[in-house]
PDB file of N, CA and C in Angstrom:
ATOM      1  N   MET A   1     -17.714  -3.576  24.897  1.00  0.00           N
ATOM      2  CA  MET A   1     -17.175  -4.659  23.363  1.00  0.00           C
ATOM      3  C   MET A   1     -19.215  -4.735  23.344  1.00  0.00           C
ATOM      4  N   SER A   2     -18.632  -4.536  21.271  1.00  0.00           N
ATOM      5  CA  SER A   2     -20.650  -4.979  21.155  1.00  0.00           C
ATOM      6  C   SER A   2     -20.264  -5.871  19.676  1.00  0.00           C
ATOM      7  N   LEU A   3     -20.480  -6.339  19.459  1.00  0.00           N
ATOM      8  CA  LEU A   3     -20.618  -7.373  18.623  1.00  0.00           C
ATOM      9  C   LEU A   3     -22.202  -7.135  17.405  1.00  0.00           C
ATOM     10  N   LEU A   4     -21.483  -6.855  16.688  1.00  0.00           N
ATOM     11  CA  LEU A   4     -22.509  -6.729  15.380  1.00  0.00           C
ATOM     12  C   LEU A   4     -21.939  -7.690  14.351  1.00  0.00           C
ATOM     13  N   THR A   5     -23.418  -9.231  13.796  1.00  0.00           N
ATOM     14  CA  THR A   5     -22.912  -9.998  12.954  1.00  0.00           C
ATOM     15  C   THR A   5     -24.754  -9.595  11.724  1.00  0.00           C
ATOM     16  N   TRP A   6     -23.631 -10.351  10.734  1.00  0.00           N
ATOM     17  CA  TRP A   6     -24.780  -9.824   9.258  1.00  0.00           C
ATOM     18  C   TRP A   6     -24.678 -10.858   8.568  1.00  0.00           C
ATOM     19  N   ASP A   7     -25.506 -11.749   7.640  1.00  0.00           N
ATOM     20  CA  ASP A   7     -24.755 -12.375   6.417  1.00  0.00           C
ATOM     21  C   ASP A   7     -24.785 -12.000   5.129  1.00  0.00           C
ATOM     22  N   TYR A   8     -23.602 -12.498   4.293  1.00  0.00           N
ATOM     23  CA  TYR A   8     -24.165 -12.298   3.271  1.00  0.00           C
ATOM     24  C   TYR A   8     -23.439 -13.779   2.782  1.00  0.00           C
ATOM     25  N   ASP A   9     -24.057 -13.385   1.449  1.00  0.00           N
ATOM     26  CA  ASP A   9     -24.106 -14.261   0.478  1.00  0.00           C
ATOM     27  C   ASP A   9     -23.824 -16.114   1.371  1.00  0.00           C
ATOM     28  N   GLY A  10     -24.539 -16.679   2.373  1.00  0.00           N
ATOM     29  CA  GLY A  10     -24.686 -17.520   3.412  1.00  0.00           C
ATOM     30  C   GLY A  10     -23.851 -17.645   3.948  1.00  0.00           C
ATOM     31  N   ASP A  11     -22.773 -16.752   4.244  1.00  0.00           N
ATOM     32  CA  ASP A  11     -21.908 -16.550   5.747  1.00  0.00           C
ATOM     33  C   ASP A  11     -21.514 -15.676   6.093  1.00  0.00           C
ATOM     34  N   LEU A  12     -21.375 -16.250   7.687  1.00  0.00           N
ATOM     35  CA  LEU A  12     -21.562 -14.953   8.823  1.00  0.00           C
ATOM     36  C   LEU A  12     -20.174 -14.007   9.124  1.00  0.00           C
ATOM     37  N   PHE A  13     -20.705 -12.708   8.726  1.00  0.00           N
ATOM     38  CA  PHE A  13     -19.760 -11.729   9.094  1.00  0.00           C
ATOM     39  C   PHE A  13     -19.702 -10.730  10.267  1.00  0.00           C
ATOM     40  N   CYS A  14     -18.814 -10.355  10.980  1.00  0.00           N
ATOM     41  CA  CYS A  14     -18.734  -9.649  12.967  1.00  0.00           C
ATOM     42  C   CYS A  14     -17.916  -8.763  12.815  1.00  0.00           C
ATOM     43  N   VAL A  15     -17.982  -7.627  13.049  1.00  0.00           N
ATOM     44  CA  VAL A  15     -17.544  -6.139  13.737  1.00  0.00           C
ATOM     45  C   VAL A  15     -17.522  -6.554  15.234  1.00  0.00           C
ATOM     46  N   LEU A  16     -16.668  -6.701  15.751  1.00  0.00           N
ATOM     47  CA  LEU A  16     -15.882  -6.664  17.317  1.00  0.00           C
ATOM     48  C   LEU A  16     -15.297  -5.594  17.441  1.00  0.00           C
ATOM     49  N   THR A  17     -16.536  -4.442  18.143  1.00  0.00           N
ATOM     50  CA  THR A  17     -15.912  -2.733  18.807  1.00  0.00           C
ATOM     51  C   THR A  17     -15.411  -2.938  20.585  1.00  0.00           C
ATOM     52  N   THR A  18     -14.234  -2.478  20.378  1.00  0.00           N
ATOM     53  CA  THR A  18     -14.218  -2.294  21.914  1.00  0.00           C
ATOM     54  C   THR A  18     -12.925  -1.149  22.351  1.00  0.00           C
ATOM     55  N   GLU A  19     -13.457  -0.496  23.180  1.00  0.00           N
ATOM     56  CA  GLU A  19     -13.484   0.405  23.698  1.00  0.00           C
ATOM     57  C   GLU A  19     -12.428   0.568  25.054  1.00  0.00           C
ATOM     58  N   THR A  20     -11.137   1.432  24.710  1.00  0.00           N
ATOM     59  CA  THR A  20     -10.536   1.053  25.583  1.00  0.00           C
ATOM     60  C   THR A  20      -9.562   2.510  26.047  1.00  0.00           C
ATOM     61  N   GLY A  21      -9.571   2.223  27.670  1.00  0.00           N
ATOM     62  CA  GLY A  21      -8.778   4.447  28.229  1.00  0.00           C
ATOM     63  C   GLY A  21      -9.712   4.386  28.222  1.00  0.00           C
ATOM     64  N   THR A  22      -9.395   6.135  28.964  1.00  0.00           N
ATOM     65  CA  THR A  22     -10.025   7.219  29.343  1.00  0.00           C
ATOM     66  C   THR A  22      -9.160   8.661  28.766  1.00  0.00           C
ATOM     67  N   GLY A  23     -10.053   9.096  28.653  1.00  0.00           N
ATOM     68  CA  GLY A  23      -9.227  10.475  28.385  1.00  0.00           C
ATOM     69  C   GLY A  23      -8.537  11.008  26.834  1.00  0.00           C
ATOM     70  N   GLU A  24      -7.437  11.533  26.210  1.00  0.00           N
ATOM     71  CA  GLU A  24      -6.696  11.299  25.833  1.00  0.00           C
ATOM     72  C   GLU A  24      -6.117   9.760  26.000  1.00  0.00           C
ATOM     73  N   GLY A  25      -6.271   8.915  25.987  1.00  0.00           N
ATOM     74  CA  GLY A  25      -5.243   7.668  26.095  1.00  0.00           C
ATOM     75  C   GLY A  25      -6.993   6.655  25.872  1.00  0.00           C
ATOM     76  N   ARG A  26      -8.074   7.374  25.712  1.00  0.00           N
ATOM     77  CA  ARG A  26      -8.965   6.729  24.090  1.00  0.00           C
ATOM     78  C   ARG A  26      -8.506   6.410  23.673  1.00  0.00           C
ATOM     79  N   MET A  27      -8.489   5.004  22.610  1.00  0.00           N
ATOM     80  CA  MET A  27      -9.122   4.225  21.686  1.00  0.00           C
ATOM     81  C   MET A  27      -9.968   2.829  21.852  1.00  0.00           C
ATOM     82  N   THR A  28     -10.074   3.076  20.679  1.00  0.00           N
ATOM     83  CA  THR A  28     -11.388   1.962  19.673  1.00  0.00           C
ATOM     84  C   THR A  28     -11.356   0.969  18.769  1.00  0.00           C
ATOM     85  N   HIS A  29     -11.359   0.115  19.218  1.00  0.00           N
ATOM     86  CA  HIS A  29     -10.437  -0.617  17.807  1.00  0.00           C
ATOM     87  C   HIS A  29     -12.521  -1.929  17.592  1.00  0.00           C
ATOM     88  N   PHE A  30     -11.583  -1.030  15.836  1.00  0.00           N
ATOM     89  CA  PHE A  30     -12.618  -2.229  15.001  1.00  0.00           C
ATOM     90  C   PHE A  30     -12.134  -3.028  14.531  1.00  0.00           C
ATOM     91  N   GLU A  31     -12.613  -4.522  14.731  1.00  0.00           N
ATOM     92  CA  GLU A  31     -12.380  -5.522  14.110  1.00  0.00           C
ATOM     93  C   GLU A  31     -13.011  -6.508  13.184  1.00  0.00           C
ATOM     94  N   LEU A  32     -12.696  -6.940  11.739  1.00  0.00           N
ATOM     95  CA  LEU A  32     -13.630  -7.525  10.757  1.00  0.00           C
ATOM     96  C   LEU A  32     -13.466  -8.558  11.049  1.00  0.00           C
ATOM     97  N   SER A  33     -14.424  -9.750  11.163  1.00  0.00           N
ATOM     98  CA  SER A  33     -13.583 -11.276  10.270  1.00  0.00           C
ATOM     99  C   SER A  33     -15.343 -12.056  10.659  1.00  0.00           C
ATOM    100  N   GLU A  34     -14.619 -13.364   9.721  1.00  0.00           N
ATOM    101  CA  GLU A  34     -16.137 -14.311   9.781  1.00  0.00           C
ATOM    102  C   GLU A  34     -16.236 -14.945  10.999  1.00  0.00           C
ATOM    103  N   ALA A  35     -17.827 -14.562  11.040  1.00  0.00           N
ATOM    104  CA  ALA A  35     -17.965 -15.504  12.198  1.00  0.00           C
ATOM    105  C   ALA A  35     -18.380 -17.175  12.645  1.00  0.00           C
ATOM    106  N   ARG A  36     -18.187 -17.388  13.422  1.00  0.00           N
ATOM    107  CA  ARG A  36     -18.272 -19.132  13.930  1.00  0.00           C
ATOM    108  C   ARG A  36     -19.328 -19.140  15.112  1.00  0.00           C
ATOM    109  N   LEU A  37     -19.959 -19.953  14.789  1.00  0.00           N
ATOM    110  CA  LEU A  37     -21.403 -20.584  15.852  1.00  0.00           C
ATOM    111  C   LEU A  37     -20.871 -20.598  16.731  1.00  0.00           C
ATOM    112  N   VAL A  38     -20.995 -20.565  18.085  1.00  0.00           N
ATOM    113  CA  VAL A  38     -20.815 -21.365  19.184  1.00  0.00           C
ATOM    114  C   VAL A  38     -21.285 -21.686  20.385  1.00  0.00           C
ATOM    115  N   LEU A  39     -21.411 -23.447  19.851  1.00  0.00           N
ATOM    116  CA  LEU A  39     -22.339 -24.349  20.815  1.00  0.00           C
ATOM    117  C   LEU A  39     -22.720 -23.701  22.091  1.00  0.00           C
ATOM    118  N   GLY A  40     -24.009 -23.361  23.255  1.00  0.00           N
ATOM    119  CA  GLY A  40     -24.368 -23.356  24.034  1.00  0.00           C
ATOM    120  C   GLY A  40     -23.264 -24.490  25.390  1.00  0.00           C
ATOM    121  N   GLY A  41     -23.426 -23.962  26.402  1.00  0.00           N
ATOM    122  CA  GLY A  41     -23.079 -25.069  27.096  1.00  0.00           C
ATOM    123  C   GLY A  41     -24.201 -25.601  27.602  1.00  0.00           C
ATOM    124  N   ALA A  42     -25.223 -25.642  27.666  1.00  0.00           N
ATOM    125  CA  ALA A  42     -26.397 -26.484  28.035  1.00  0.00           C
ATOM    126  C   ALA A  42     -27.060 -26.707  26.176  1.00  0.00           C
ATOM    127  N   SER A  43     -28.089 -28.187  26.491  1.00  0.00           N
ATOM    128  CA  SER A  43     -28.225 -28.257  25.075  1.00  0.00           C
ATOM    129  C   SER A  43     -29.294 -26.691  25.193  1.00  0.00           C
ATOM    130  N   SER A  44     -30.192 -27.028  25.735  1.00  0.00           N
ATOM    131  CA  SER A  44     -31.598 -25.438  25.938  1.00  0.00           C
ATOM    132  C   SER A  44     -30.573 -24.485  24.921  1.00  0.00           C
ATOM    133  N   MET A  45     -29.715 -24.227  24.836  1.00  0.00           N
ATOM    134  CA  MET A  45     -29.218 -23.126  24.643  1.00  0.00           C
ATOM    135  C   MET A  45     -28.980 -22.662  23.425  1.00  0.00           C
ATOM    136  N   PRO A  46     -29.394 -21.821  22.685  1.00  0.00           N
ATOM    137  CA  PRO A  46     -29.037 -21.775  21.393  1.00  0.00           C
ATOM    138  C   PRO A  46     -27.165 -21.350  20.952  1.00  0.00           C
ATOM    139  N   ALA A  47     -27.021 -22.051  19.553  1.00  0.00           N
ATOM    140  CA  ALA A  47     -25.555 -21.549  19.452  1.00  0.00           C
ATOM    141  C   ALA A  47     -25.741 -19.608  19.403  1.00  0.00           C
ATOM    142  N   SER A  48     -24.185 -19.686  18.894  1.00  0.00           N
ATOM    143  CA  SER A  48     -24.300 -18.150  19.223  1.00  0.00           C
ATOM    144  C   SER A  48     -23.153 -17.894  18.619  1.00  0.00           C
ATOM    145  N   PRO A  49     -23.204 -16.412  18.175  1.00  0.00           N
ATOM    146  CA  PRO A  49     -22.189 -15.986  16.773  1.00  0.00           C
ATOM    147  C   PRO A  49     -20.871 -15.766  18.040  1.00  0.00           C
ATOM    148  N   ALA A  50     -19.086 -16.212  17.321  1.00  0.00           N
ATOM    149  CA  ALA A  50     -18.440 -15.511  17.870  1.00  0.00           C
ATOM    150  C   ALA A  50     -17.307 -15.541  17.252  1.00  0.00           C
ATOM    151  N   PRO A  51     -16.717 -14.234  17.162  1.00  0.00           N
ATOM    152  CA  PRO A  51     -15.214 -13.971  16.033  1.00  0.00           C
ATOM    153  C   PRO A  51     -15.114 -15.162  15.600  1.00  0.00           C
ATOM    154  N   GLY A  52     -14.513 -14.896  14.212  1.00  0.00           N
ATOM    155  CA  GLY A  52     -13.241 -15.850  14.117  1.00  0.00           C
ATOM    156  C   GLY A  52     -11.828 -14.748  14.004  1.00  0.00           C
ATOM    157  N   PRO A  53     -11.028 -15.725  13.076  1.00  0.00           N
ATOM    158  CA  PRO A  53      -9.491 -14.863  13.425  1.00  0.00           C
ATOM    159  C   PRO A  53      -9.129 -13.398  12.037  1.00  0.00           C
ATOM    160  N   THR A  54      -9.213 -12.411  13.518  1.00  0.00           N
ATOM    161  CA  THR A  54      -9.592 -10.929  13.053  1.00  0.00           C
ATOM    162  C   THR A  54      -8.779 -10.739  11.408  1.00  0.00           C
ATOM    163  N   ALA A  55     -10.039 -10.158  10.294  1.00  0.00           N
ATOM    164  CA  ALA A  55      -9.418 -10.012   9.245  1.00  0.00           C
ATOM    165  C   ALA A  55      -9.080  -8.446   8.608  1.00  0.00           C
ATOM    166  N   VAL A  56      -9.581  -7.129   9.176  1.00  0.00           N
ATOM    167  CA  VAL A  56      -8.881  -6.253   9.450  1.00  0.00           C
ATOM    168  C   VAL A  56      -9.014  -5.744  10.631  1.00  0.00           C
ATOM    169  N   THR A  57      -7.302  -5.119  11.278  1.00  0.00           N
ATOM    170  CA  THR A  57      -8.584  -4.359  12.279  1.00  0.00           C
ATOM    171  C   THR A  57      -8.514  -2.270  12.176  1.00  0.00           C
ATOM    172  N   VAL A  58      -9.245  -1.542  12.728  1.00  0.00           N
ATOM    173  CA  VAL A  58      -9.331  -0.816  12.726  1.00  0.00           C
ATOM    174  C   VAL A  58      -9.195   0.116  13.483  1.00  0.00           C
ATOM    175  N   VAL A  59      -8.066   1.093  14.444  1.00  0.00           N
ATOM    176  CA  VAL A  59      -8.160   1.743  15.589  1.00  0.00           C
ATOM    177  C   VAL A  59      -7.628   3.330  15.371  1.00  0.00           C
ATOM    178  N   CYS A  60      -8.650   3.863  16.395  1.00  0.00           N
ATOM    179  CA  CYS A  60      -9.304   5.452  16.124  1.00  0.00           C
ATOM    180  C   CYS A  60      -8.915   5.492  17.520  1.00  0.00           C
ATOM    181  N   TYR A  61      -8.284   6.653  17.907  1.00  0.00           N
ATOM    182  CA  TYR A  61      -7.258   7.088  18.739  1.00  0.00           C
ATOM    183  C   TYR A  61      -8.762   8.107  19.531  1.00  0.00           C
ATOM    184  N   ALA A  62      -8.616   9.120  20.611  1.00  0.00           N
ATOM    185  CA  ALA A  62      -9.226  10.314  21.002  1.00  0.00           C
ATOM    186  C   ALA A  62      -9.000  11.101  20.311  1.00  0.00           C
ATOM    187  N   PRO A  63     -10.253  12.045  19.456  1.00  0.00           N
ATOM    188  CA  PRO A  63      -9.761  13.058  18.916  1.00  0.00           C
ATOM    189  C   PRO A  63      -9.068  13.867  20.053  1.00  0.00           C
ATOM    190  N   GLU A  64      -8.736  13.964  20.986  1.00  0.00           N
ATOM    191  CA  GLU A  64      -7.386  14.558  21.293  1.00  0.00           C
ATOM    192  C   GLU A  64      -6.085  14.292  21.070  1.00  0.00           C
ATOM    193  N   GLU A  65      -5.836  13.672  20.382  1.00  0.00           N
ATOM    194  CA  GLU A  65      -4.933  12.594  20.207  1.00  0.00           C
ATOM    195  C   GLU A  65      -4.180  14.075  18.953  1.00  0.00           C
ATOM    196  N   GLU A  66      -5.442  14.159  18.636  1.00  0.00           N
ATOM    197  CA  GLU A  66      -5.193  14.477  16.210  1.00  0.00           C
ATOM    198  C   GLU A  66      -3.914  13.138  15.902  1.00  0.00           C
ATOM    199  N   LYS A  67      -4.630  12.314  16.203  1.00  0.00           N
ATOM    200  CA  LYS A  67      -4.059  11.464  14.965  1.00  0.00           C
ATOM    201  C   LYS A  67      -4.897  10.164  14.543  1.00  0.00           C
ATOM    202  N   PRO A  68      -4.365  10.433  12.788  1.00  0.00           N
ATOM    203  CA  PRO A  68      -5.725   9.419  12.313  1.00  0.00           C
ATOM    204  C   PRO A  68      -5.912   8.398  12.638  1.00  0.00           C
ATOM    205  N   ALA A  69      -6.225   7.643  12.020  1.00  0.00           N
ATOM    206  CA  ALA A  69      -7.105   5.796  12.670  1.00  0.00           C
ATOM    207  C   ALA A  69      -6.283   4.943  11.653  1.00  0.00           C
ATOM    208  N   GLU A  70      -5.649   4.122  12.418  1.00  0.00           N
ATOM    209  CA  GLU A  70      -4.506   3.152  11.463  1.00  0.00           C
ATOM    210  C   GLU A  70      -5.919   2.045  11.260  1.00  0.00           C
ATOM    211  N   VAL A  71      -4.470   1.142   9.962  1.00  0.00           N
ATOM    212  CA  VAL A  71      -5.821   0.699   9.337  1.00  0.00           C
ATOM    213  C   VAL A  71      -4.550  -0.634   9.146  1.00  0.00           C
ATOM    214  N   TYR A  72      -5.081  -2.379  10.269  1.00  0.00           N
ATOM    215  CA  TYR A  72      -4.278  -3.232  10.051  1.00  0.00           C
ATOM    216  C   TYR A  72      -5.044  -4.560   8.693  1.00  0.00           C
ATOM    217  N   PHE A  73      -4.444  -4.875   8.783  1.00  0.00           N
ATOM    218  CA  PHE A  73      -5.383  -6.172   7.190  1.00  0.00           C
ATOM    219  C   PHE A  73      -4.286  -7.407   7.700  1.00  0.00           C
ATOM    220  N   ASP A  74      -4.935  -8.763   7.905  1.00  0.00           N
ATOM    221  CA  ASP A  74      -4.085  -9.914   7.612  1.00  0.00           C
ATOM    222  C   ASP A  74      -3.711 -10.179   6.207  1.00  0.00           C
ATOM    223  N   ALA A  75      -3.591 -10.769   5.866  1.00  0.00           N
ATOM    224  CA  ALA A  75      -2.477 -11.073   4.084  1.00  0.00           C
ATOM    225  C   ALA A  75      -2.965 -12.273   3.899  1.00  0.00           C
ATOM    226  N   THR A  76      -3.663 -13.065   5.246  1.00  0.00           N
ATOM    227  CA  THR A  76      -3.862 -14.501   4.831  1.00  0.00           C
ATOM    228  C   THR A  76      -5.302 -14.646   4.856  1.00  0.00           C
ATOM    229  N   GLN A  77      -5.957 -13.646   4.774  1.00  0.00           N
ATOM    230  CA  GLN A  77      -7.791 -13.791   4.175  1.00  0.00           C
ATOM    231  C   GLN A  77      -7.886 -13.074   2.995  1.00  0.00           C
ATOM    232  N   THR A  78      -9.229 -13.385   3.272  1.00  0.00           N
ATOM    233  CA  THR A  78     -10.026 -13.040   1.570  1.00  0.00           C
ATOM    234  C   THR A  78     -11.414 -12.629   2.340  1.00  0.00           C
ATOM    235  N   LEU A  79     -11.915 -11.454   2.063  1.00  0.00           N
ATOM    236  CA  LEU A  79     -13.452 -11.078   2.232  1.00  0.00           C
ATOM    237  C   LEU A  79     -14.167 -10.466   0.675  1.00  0.00           C
ATOM    238  N   PRO A  80     -15.339 -11.037  -0.080  1.00  0.00           N
ATOM    239  CA  PRO A  80     -16.123 -10.131  -0.086  1.00  0.00           C
ATOM    240  C   PRO A  80     -15.347  -8.863  -0.364  1.00  0.00           C
ATOM    241  N   PHE A  81     -15.829  -7.542  -1.575  1.00  0.00           N
ATOM    242  CA  PHE A  81     -15.475  -6.410  -1.480  1.00  0.00           C
ATOM    243  C   PHE A  81     -16.688  -5.916  -0.742  1.00  0.00           C
ATOM    244  N   ALA A  82     -17.950  -6.283  -1.478  1.00  0.00           N
ATOM    245  CA  ALA A  82     -19.327  -5.948  -0.633  1.00  0.00           C
ATOM    246  C   ALA A  82     -19.232  -6.158   0.851  1.00  0.00           C
ATOM    247  N   VAL A  83     -18.342  -7.379   1.886  1.00  0.00           N
ATOM    248  CA  VAL A  83     -18.532  -7.690   3.385  1.00  0.00           C
ATOM    249  C   VAL A  83     -17.591  -6.435   3.469  1.00  0.00           C
ATOM    250  N   VAL A  84     -16.165  -5.734   3.025  1.00  0.00           N
ATOM    251  CA  VAL A  84     -15.518  -4.594   3.171  1.00  0.00           C
ATOM    252  C   VAL A  84     -16.067  -2.897   3.578  1.00  0.00           C
ATOM    253  N   GLN A  85     -17.159  -3.310   2.173  1.00  0.00           N
ATOM    254  CA  GLN A  85     -17.915  -2.298   2.408  1.00  0.00           C
ATOM    255  C   GLN A  85     -18.894  -1.983   3.334  1.00  0.00           C
ATOM    256  N   HIS A  86     -19.526  -3.338   3.941  1.00  0.00           N
ATOM    257  CA  HIS A  86     -20.850  -3.061   4.834  1.00  0.00           C
ATOM    258  C   HIS A  86     -19.654  -2.314   6.185  1.00  0.00           C
ATOM    259  N   PHE A  87     -18.381  -3.066   6.320  1.00  0.00           N
ATOM    260  CA  PHE A  87     -16.939  -2.482   7.451  1.00  0.00           C
ATOM    261  C   PHE A  87     -16.731  -1.580   7.945  1.00  0.00           C
ATOM    262  N   VAL A  88     -17.115  -0.866   6.296  1.00  0.00           N
ATOM    263  CA  VAL A  88     -16.369   0.917   5.939  1.00  0.00           C
ATOM    264  C   VAL A  88     -17.367   1.346   6.520  1.00  0.00           C
ATOM    265  N   ALA A  89     -19.007   1.033   5.949  1.00  0.00           N
ATOM    266  CA  ALA A  89     -19.952   2.314   6.229  1.00  0.00           C
ATOM    267  C   ALA A  89     -19.902   2.321   8.336  1.00  0.00           C
ATOM    268  N   PHE A  90     -20.211   0.937   8.546  1.00  0.00           N
ATOM    269  CA  PHE A  90     -20.174   0.817  10.225  1.00  0.00           C
ATOM    270  C   PHE A  90     -19.037   1.523  10.994  1.00  0.00           C
ATOM    271  N   VAL A  91     -17.643   1.827  11.039  1.00  0.00           N
ATOM    272  CA  VAL A  91     -16.982   2.770  11.147  1.00  0.00           C
ATOM    273  C   VAL A  91     -16.703   4.044  10.889  1.00  0.00           C
ATOM    274  N   ALA A  92     -17.430   4.348  10.024  1.00  0.00           N
ATOM    275  CA  ALA A  92     -17.639   5.845   9.526  1.00  0.00           C
ATOM    276  C   ALA A  92     -18.657   6.447   9.990  1.00  0.00           C
ATOM    277  N   SER A  93     -20.040   5.006  10.272  1.00  0.00           N
ATOM    278  CA  SER A  93     -20.908   5.632  10.843  1.00  0.00           C
ATOM    279  C   SER A  93     -20.559   6.257  11.945  1.00  0.00           C
ATOM    280  N   ARG A  94     -19.891   5.367  12.520  1.00  0.00           N
ATOM    281  CA  ARG A  94     -19.237   5.390  14.148  1.00  0.00           C
ATOM    282  C   ARG A  94     -18.808   6.189  14.309  1.00  0.00           C
ATOM    283  N   LEU A  95     -17.416   7.086  13.946  1.00  0.00           N
ATOM    284  CA  LEU A  95     -16.871   7.948  14.279  1.00  0.00           C
ATOM    285  C   LEU A  95     -17.388   9.059  13.769  1.00  0.00           C
ATOM    286  N   ALA A  96     -18.593   9.066  13.055  1.00  0.00           N
ATOM    287  CA  ALA A  96     -19.410  10.118  12.280  1.00  0.00           C
ATOM    288  C   ALA A  96     -19.809  10.779  14.187  1.00  0.00           C
ATOM    289  N   SER A  97     -20.610   9.810  14.705  1.00  0.00           N
ATOM    290  CA  SER A  97     -21.477   9.939  15.830  1.00  0.00           C
ATOM    291  C   SER A  97     -20.901  10.684  16.857  1.00  0.00           C
ATOM    292  N   THR A  98     -19.042  10.700  17.163  1.00  0.00           N
ATOM    293  CA  THR A  98     -18.447  10.503  18.168  1.00  0.00           C
ATOM    294  C   THR A  98     -17.854  12.133  17.548  1.00  0.00           C
ATOM    295  N   GLU A  99     -17.581  12.457  16.884  1.00  0.00           N
ATOM    296  CA  GLU A  99     -17.554  13.915  16.372  1.00  0.00           C
ATOM    297  C   GLU A  99     -18.097  15.294  16.450  1.00  0.00           C
ATOM    298  N   SER A 100     -18.239  15.143  17.986  1.00  0.00           N
ATOM    299  CA  SER A 100     -19.114  16.186  18.629  1.00  0.00           C
ATOM    300  C   SER A 100     -17.912  17.208  19.376  1.00  0.00           C
TER     301      SER A 100
END
């Protein structure tokens, strides 16, 4: 699991990447959301970003599945187009690096 965050026009966005399964049952989920800052448990710990409600999810299957990726959208959220472009570029680069 990994979390990538970036700022766009004063708002914080993130991509949460989760890989599950092994072999032919392997799947990767890419979830785009607006990030929220969560305060640390102790006053000495800085706030850290955490994903908010997911706006877009891309599900990618193992290459052996020969099944195309699927995209799901939350109909209640809107995002700046530049944020979606950044997300698509990130997912495309990750997929290109695993196609060996």
